[in-house]
Amino acid sequence: MARHYERVLTLRRSNVQATMVHRARMTSSLQLVRRIIALSAVFFVIVWPKLVAVFYPNIPITIGITKTTRKLFSFCSGVENLTWIQLHGVVITPLDTHLLSAIMGLYFGYTLVDFKR
């Protein structure tokens, strides 16, 4: 009987904790903060450098590119060297596309998850 009572108390406690977590996730202020963070990160990391390059094309943009030198045998991994190059104008790097997809995936992925259990 005592074991049954202990299990009932544990289930009630976990139900209360789950309800508190659900309420914390569903607050509108959290969604607003998440939206502001995602949009400001996209603007200042992706859009702002592109706008500066459009209006001031003479500003050089320095990006780092990794180049792999091959070894003699194909099963050995090569040595990666970081090369810095300067470009002018609008430059879209793989980092831009990866970062944008990560931010959008985190933002929209959170809204696709169903928290109703």
N, C-alpha and C. Protein backbone atom coordinates (compact mmCIF):
# COMPACT_ATOMS: atom_id res chain seq x y z
N MET A 1 0.81 -1.19 0.00
CA MET A 1 0.00 0.00 0.00
C MET A 1 0.86 1.26 0.00
N ALA A 2 1.95 1.23 0.78
CA ALA A 2 2.84 2.39 0.84
C ALA A 2 3.51 2.62 -0.50
N ARG A 3 3.84 1.53 -1.18
CA ARG A 3 4.49 1.65 -2.49
C ARG A 3 3.52 2.28 -3.51
N HIS A 4 2.27 1.89 -3.45
CA HIS A 4 1.26 2.46 -4.33
C HIS A 4 1.10 3.95 -4.07
N TYR A 5 1.06 4.34 -2.80
CA TYR A 5 0.93 5.75 -2.43
C TYR A 5 2.15 6.54 -2.92
N GLU A 6 3.33 5.96 -2.82
CA GLU A 6 4.56 6.61 -3.30
C GLU A 6 4.51 6.83 -4.81
N ARG A 7 4.03 5.84 -5.55
CA ARG A 7 3.91 5.97 -7.01
C ARG A 7 2.90 7.05 -7.40
N VAL A 8 1.80 7.11 -6.68
CA VAL A 8 0.78 8.14 -6.96
C VAL A 8 1.37 9.52 -6.73
N LEU A 9 2.11 9.71 -5.64
CA LEU A 9 2.74 11.00 -5.37
C LEU A 9 3.77 11.36 -6.44
N THR A 10 4.53 10.38 -6.90
CA THR A 10 5.52 10.63 -7.95
C THR A 10 4.84 11.03 -9.25
N LEU A 11 3.75 10.36 -9.59
CA LEU A 11 3.01 10.72 -10.81
C LEU A 11 2.40 12.11 -10.71
N ARG A 12 1.87 12.47 -9.56
CA ARG A 12 1.31 13.81 -9.39
C ARG A 12 2.40 14.88 -9.51
N ARG A 13 3.56 14.62 -8.90
CA ARG A 13 4.67 15.56 -8.96
C ARG A 13 5.15 15.75 -10.40
N SER A 14 5.27 14.65 -11.14
CA SER A 14 5.72 14.76 -12.53
C SER A 14 4.67 15.46 -13.39
N ASN A 15 3.38 15.27 -13.08
CA ASN A 15 2.33 15.95 -13.81
C ASN A 15 2.38 17.45 -13.55
N VAL A 16 2.62 17.85 -12.31
CA VAL A 16 2.74 19.27 -11.98
C VAL A 16 3.94 19.87 -12.68
N GLN A 17 5.07 19.17 -12.69
CA GLN A 17 6.26 19.67 -13.37
C GLN A 17 6.03 19.80 -14.87
N ALA A 18 5.37 18.83 -15.47
CA ALA A 18 5.08 18.89 -16.91
C ALA A 18 4.16 20.05 -17.23
N THR A 19 3.19 20.31 -16.37
CA THR A 19 2.29 21.45 -16.57
C THR A 19 3.05 22.76 -16.48
N MET A 20 3.97 22.87 -15.53
CA MET A 20 4.76 24.10 -15.40
C MET A 20 5.65 24.31 -16.62
N VAL A 21 6.26 23.25 -17.11
CA VAL A 21 7.11 23.36 -18.30
C VAL A 21 6.27 23.75 -19.51
N HIS A 22 5.09 23.18 -19.64
CA HIS A 22 4.21 23.51 -20.76
C HIS A 22 3.79 24.98 -20.70
N ARG A 23 3.45 25.48 -19.53
CA ARG A 23 3.08 26.90 -19.39
C ARG A 23 4.25 27.81 -19.74
N ALA A 24 5.45 27.44 -19.31
CA ALA A 24 6.63 28.26 -19.60
C ALA A 24 6.92 28.30 -21.09
N ARG A 25 6.69 27.20 -21.79
CA ARG A 25 6.96 27.17 -23.23
C ARG A 25 5.92 27.92 -24.03
N MET A 26 4.72 27.99 -23.53
CA MET A 26 3.63 28.57 -24.30
C MET A 26 3.39 30.05 -24.01
N THR A 27 4.27 30.71 -23.28
CA THR A 27 4.07 32.13 -23.04
C THR A 27 4.35 32.91 -24.30
N SER A 28 3.59 33.96 -24.52
CA SER A 28 3.76 34.74 -25.74
C SER A 28 5.04 35.56 -25.70
N SER A 29 5.52 35.91 -24.51
CA SER A 29 6.76 36.68 -24.43
C SER A 29 7.95 35.85 -24.90
N LEU A 30 7.95 34.56 -24.61
CA LEU A 30 9.04 33.70 -25.08
C LEU A 30 9.04 33.62 -26.61
N GLN A 31 7.87 33.51 -27.20
CA GLN A 31 7.79 33.46 -28.65
C GLN A 31 8.24 34.77 -29.27
N LEU A 32 7.89 35.88 -28.64
CA LEU A 32 8.30 37.19 -29.15
C LEU A 32 9.82 37.35 -29.06
N VAL A 33 10.40 36.95 -27.95
CA VAL A 33 11.86 37.05 -27.78
C VAL A 33 12.57 36.17 -28.79
N ARG A 34 12.07 34.96 -28.99
CA ARG A 34 12.67 34.05 -29.97
C ARG A 34 12.60 34.63 -31.37
N ARG A 35 11.48 35.23 -31.70
CA ARG A 35 11.30 35.84 -33.02
C ARG A 35 12.25 37.02 -33.21
N ILE A 36 12.39 37.86 -32.19
CA ILE A 36 13.28 39.02 -32.28
C ILE A 36 14.73 38.57 -32.43
N ILE A 37 15.14 37.57 -31.68
CA ILE A 37 16.51 37.07 -31.78
C ILE A 37 16.78 36.50 -33.17
N ALA A 38 15.86 35.72 -33.69
CA ALA A 38 16.06 35.11 -35.01
C ALA A 38 16.11 36.18 -36.10
N LEU A 39 15.19 37.13 -36.07
CA LEU A 39 15.17 38.15 -37.11
C LEU A 39 16.36 39.10 -37.02
N SER A 40 16.77 39.46 -35.81
CA SER A 40 17.93 40.35 -35.69
C SER A 40 19.21 39.63 -36.09
N ALA A 41 19.33 38.35 -35.78
CA ALA A 41 20.51 37.59 -36.20
C ALA A 41 20.56 37.48 -37.72
N VAL A 42 19.44 37.20 -38.34
CA VAL A 42 19.41 37.13 -39.81
C VAL A 42 19.75 38.48 -40.41
N PHE A 43 19.21 39.55 -39.85
CA PHE A 43 19.47 40.87 -40.43
C PHE A 43 20.93 41.26 -40.29
N PHE A 44 21.48 41.18 -39.08
CA PHE A 44 22.83 41.69 -38.86
C PHE A 44 23.93 40.76 -39.35
N VAL A 45 23.66 39.48 -39.48
CA VAL A 45 24.70 38.56 -39.93
C VAL A 45 24.64 38.35 -41.44
N ILE A 46 23.44 38.34 -42.00
CA ILE A 46 23.29 38.04 -43.42
C ILE A 46 22.99 39.29 -44.24
N VAL A 47 21.98 40.05 -43.86
CA VAL A 47 21.50 41.16 -44.70
C VAL A 47 22.39 42.38 -44.61
N TRP A 48 22.80 42.78 -43.43
CA TRP A 48 23.58 44.00 -43.26
C TRP A 48 24.89 44.00 -44.06
N PRO A 49 25.72 42.95 -44.01
CA PRO A 49 26.93 42.97 -44.84
C PRO A 49 26.64 43.06 -46.34
N LYS A 50 25.53 42.48 -46.77
CA LYS A 50 25.18 42.56 -48.20
C LYS A 50 24.73 43.96 -48.57
N LEU A 51 24.00 44.63 -47.68
CA LEU A 51 23.58 46.01 -47.95
C LEU A 51 24.78 46.95 -47.99
N VAL A 52 25.72 46.75 -47.09
CA VAL A 52 26.93 47.58 -47.10
C VAL A 52 27.70 47.37 -48.40
N ALA A 53 27.77 46.13 -48.87
CA ALA A 53 28.48 45.84 -50.12
C ALA A 53 27.77 46.45 -51.32
N VAL A 54 26.46 46.57 -51.28
CA VAL A 54 25.73 47.17 -52.40
C VAL A 54 25.96 48.67 -52.44
N PHE A 55 25.89 49.34 -51.29
CA PHE A 55 26.01 50.80 -51.27
C PHE A 55 27.46 51.28 -51.25
N TYR A 56 28.38 50.48 -50.75
CA TYR A 56 29.81 50.82 -50.72
C TYR A 56 30.61 49.66 -51.30
N PRO A 57 30.63 49.52 -52.63
CA PRO A 57 31.29 48.35 -53.23
C PRO A 57 32.82 48.38 -53.15
N ASN A 58 33.40 49.52 -52.79
CA ASN A 58 34.86 49.59 -52.73
C ASN A 58 35.43 49.05 -51.41
N ILE A 59 34.59 48.70 -50.47
CA ILE A 59 35.06 48.13 -49.20
C ILE A 59 35.42 46.66 -49.44
N PRO A 60 36.67 46.28 -49.14
CA PRO A 60 37.04 44.87 -49.36
C PRO A 60 36.45 43.96 -48.29
N ILE A 61 36.08 42.78 -48.72
CA ILE A 61 35.53 41.78 -47.82
C ILE A 61 36.53 40.64 -47.77
N THR A 62 37.03 40.34 -46.58
CA THR A 62 38.02 39.29 -46.40
C THR A 62 37.33 38.03 -45.89
N ILE A 63 37.52 36.94 -46.61
CA ILE A 63 36.93 35.66 -46.20
C ILE A 63 38.03 34.61 -46.14
N GLY A 64 37.84 33.65 -45.31
CA GLY A 64 38.79 32.55 -45.18
C GLY A 64 38.27 31.31 -45.89
N ILE A 65 39.10 30.73 -46.71
CA ILE A 65 38.74 29.52 -47.46
C ILE A 65 39.74 28.43 -47.09
N THR A 66 39.23 27.26 -46.77
CA THR A 66 40.12 26.14 -46.47
C THR A 66 40.41 25.37 -47.74
N LYS A 67 41.67 25.14 -47.98
CA LYS A 67 42.10 24.35 -49.13
C LYS A 67 42.79 23.09 -48.60
N THR A 68 42.40 21.96 -49.17
CA THR A 68 42.95 20.68 -48.73
C THR A 68 44.01 20.22 -49.71
N THR A 69 45.19 19.91 -49.18
CA THR A 69 46.24 19.34 -50.02
C THR A 69 46.19 17.83 -49.87
N ARG A 70 46.21 17.12 -50.98
CA ARG A 70 46.07 15.66 -50.98
C ARG A 70 47.38 14.99 -50.60
N LYS A 71 47.24 13.86 -49.97
CA LYS A 71 48.39 13.03 -49.64
C LYS A 71 48.66 12.07 -50.80
N LEU A 72 49.68 11.30 -50.66
CA LEU A 72 50.05 10.35 -51.70
C LEU A 72 49.01 9.25 -51.83
N PHE A 73 48.52 8.76 -50.71
CA PHE A 73 47.52 7.70 -50.72
C PHE A 73 46.14 8.31 -50.51
N SER A 74 45.15 7.76 -51.17
CA SER A 74 43.81 8.35 -51.09
C SER A 74 43.12 8.07 -49.77
N PHE A 75 43.53 7.03 -49.05
CA PHE A 75 42.87 6.72 -47.78
C PHE A 75 43.38 7.58 -46.63
N CYS A 76 44.44 8.34 -46.83
CA CYS A 76 44.93 9.27 -45.82
C CYS A 76 44.26 10.62 -46.02
N SER A 77 43.92 11.27 -44.93
CA SER A 77 43.30 12.58 -45.06
C SER A 77 44.38 13.62 -45.35
N GLY A 78 43.98 14.63 -46.09
CA GLY A 78 44.92 15.67 -46.46
C GLY A 78 45.06 16.72 -45.37
N VAL A 79 45.94 17.66 -45.61
CA VAL A 79 46.18 18.75 -44.68
C VAL A 79 45.36 19.95 -45.14
N GLU A 80 44.62 20.55 -44.22
CA GLU A 80 43.81 21.71 -44.56
C GLU A 80 44.58 22.98 -44.23
N ASN A 81 44.68 23.87 -45.20
CA ASN A 81 45.32 25.16 -45.02
C ASN A 81 44.27 26.25 -45.17
N LEU A 82 44.30 27.23 -44.28
CA LEU A 82 43.36 28.34 -44.33
C LEU A 82 43.98 29.46 -45.15
N THR A 83 43.29 29.86 -46.21
CA THR A 83 43.76 30.92 -47.08
C THR A 83 42.79 32.09 -46.98
N TRP A 84 43.32 33.29 -46.75
CA TRP A 84 42.50 34.48 -46.65
C TRP A 84 42.56 35.22 -47.98
N ILE A 85 41.39 35.54 -48.53
CA ILE A 85 41.33 36.30 -49.78
C ILE A 85 40.41 37.50 -49.60
N GLN A 86 40.68 38.55 -50.39
CA GLN A 86 39.85 39.75 -50.35
C GLN A 86 39.04 39.83 -51.63
N LEU A 87 37.76 40.10 -51.46
CA LEU A 87 36.85 40.26 -52.58
C LEU A 87 36.12 41.59 -52.44
N HIS A 88 35.59 42.07 -53.56
CA HIS A 88 34.82 43.31 -53.55
C HIS A 88 33.42 43.03 -54.04
N GLY A 89 32.47 43.82 -53.56
CA GLY A 89 31.09 43.65 -53.98
C GLY A 89 30.33 42.71 -53.07
N VAL A 90 29.23 42.19 -53.59
CA VAL A 90 28.38 41.29 -52.81
C VAL A 90 28.98 39.89 -52.84
N VAL A 91 29.29 39.35 -51.68
CA VAL A 91 29.89 38.02 -51.56
C VAL A 91 28.97 37.15 -50.71
N ILE A 92 28.56 36.03 -51.27
CA ILE A 92 27.75 35.06 -50.53
C ILE A 92 28.63 33.83 -50.31
N THR A 93 28.98 33.61 -49.07
CA THR A 93 29.86 32.50 -48.73
C THR A 93 29.04 31.30 -48.27
N PRO A 94 29.65 30.12 -48.26
CA PRO A 94 28.94 28.96 -47.69
C PRO A 94 28.56 29.16 -46.23
N LEU A 95 29.36 29.94 -45.50
CA LEU A 95 29.02 30.22 -44.11
C LEU A 95 27.69 30.96 -44.01
N ASP A 96 27.46 31.90 -44.93
CA ASP A 96 26.18 32.63 -44.93
C ASP A 96 25.01 31.68 -45.12
N THR A 97 25.11 30.80 -46.08
CA THR A 97 23.99 29.90 -46.36
C THR A 97 23.79 28.89 -45.23
N HIS A 98 24.88 28.39 -44.65
CA HIS A 98 24.75 27.44 -43.53
C HIS A 98 24.15 28.12 -42.30
N LEU A 99 24.62 29.33 -42.03
CA LEU A 99 24.12 30.06 -40.86
C LEU A 99 22.65 30.41 -41.02
N LEU A 100 22.27 30.85 -42.21
CA LEU A 100 20.87 31.19 -42.45
C LEU A 100 19.98 29.96 -42.32
N SER A 101 20.42 28.85 -42.87
CA SER A 101 19.61 27.63 -42.76
C SER A 101 19.53 27.14 -41.32
N ALA A 102 20.60 27.31 -40.54
CA ALA A 102 20.57 26.89 -39.13
C ALA A 102 19.62 27.76 -38.32
N ILE A 103 19.68 29.08 -38.52
CA ILE A 103 18.79 29.97 -37.78
C ILE A 103 17.34 29.73 -38.14
N MET A 104 17.06 29.60 -39.42
CA MET A 104 15.69 29.37 -39.85
C MET A 104 15.20 27.99 -39.40
N GLY A 105 16.09 27.00 -39.42
CA GLY A 105 15.70 25.67 -38.96
C GLY A 105 15.38 25.65 -37.49
N LEU A 106 16.18 26.35 -36.68
CA LEU A 106 15.90 26.41 -35.25
C LEU A 106 14.61 27.18 -34.97
N TYR A 107 14.41 28.25 -35.71
CA TYR A 107 13.22 29.07 -35.46
C TYR A 107 11.95 28.36 -35.91
N PHE A 108 11.94 27.90 -37.17
CA PHE A 108 10.74 27.25 -37.68
C PHE A 108 10.59 25.83 -37.15
N GLY A 109 11.68 25.18 -36.83
CA GLY A 109 11.59 23.84 -36.27
C GLY A 109 10.92 23.83 -34.91
N TYR A 110 11.14 24.87 -34.14
CA TYR A 110 10.50 24.96 -32.83
C TYR A 110 9.00 25.11 -32.97
N THR A 111 8.56 25.85 -33.99
CA THR A 111 7.12 26.05 -34.16
C THR A 111 6.43 24.82 -34.72
N LEU A 112 7.18 23.91 -35.35
CA LEU A 112 6.57 22.71 -35.90
C LEU A 112 6.38 21.61 -34.87
N VAL A 113 7.08 21.70 -33.75
CA VAL A 113 6.98 20.67 -32.71
C VAL A 113 5.66 20.83 -31.98
N ASP A 114 4.97 19.72 -31.80
CA ASP A 114 3.69 19.74 -31.10
C ASP A 114 3.92 19.40 -29.64
N PHE A 115 3.66 20.35 -28.76
CA PHE A 115 3.87 20.13 -27.33
C PHE A 115 2.62 19.59 -26.65
N LYS A 116 1.56 19.38 -27.38
CA LYS A 116 0.34 18.83 -26.78
C LYS A 116 0.50 17.33 -26.65
N ARG A 117 0.55 16.84 -25.44
CA ARG A 117 0.78 15.41 -25.23
C ARG A 117 -0.45 14.73 -24.74
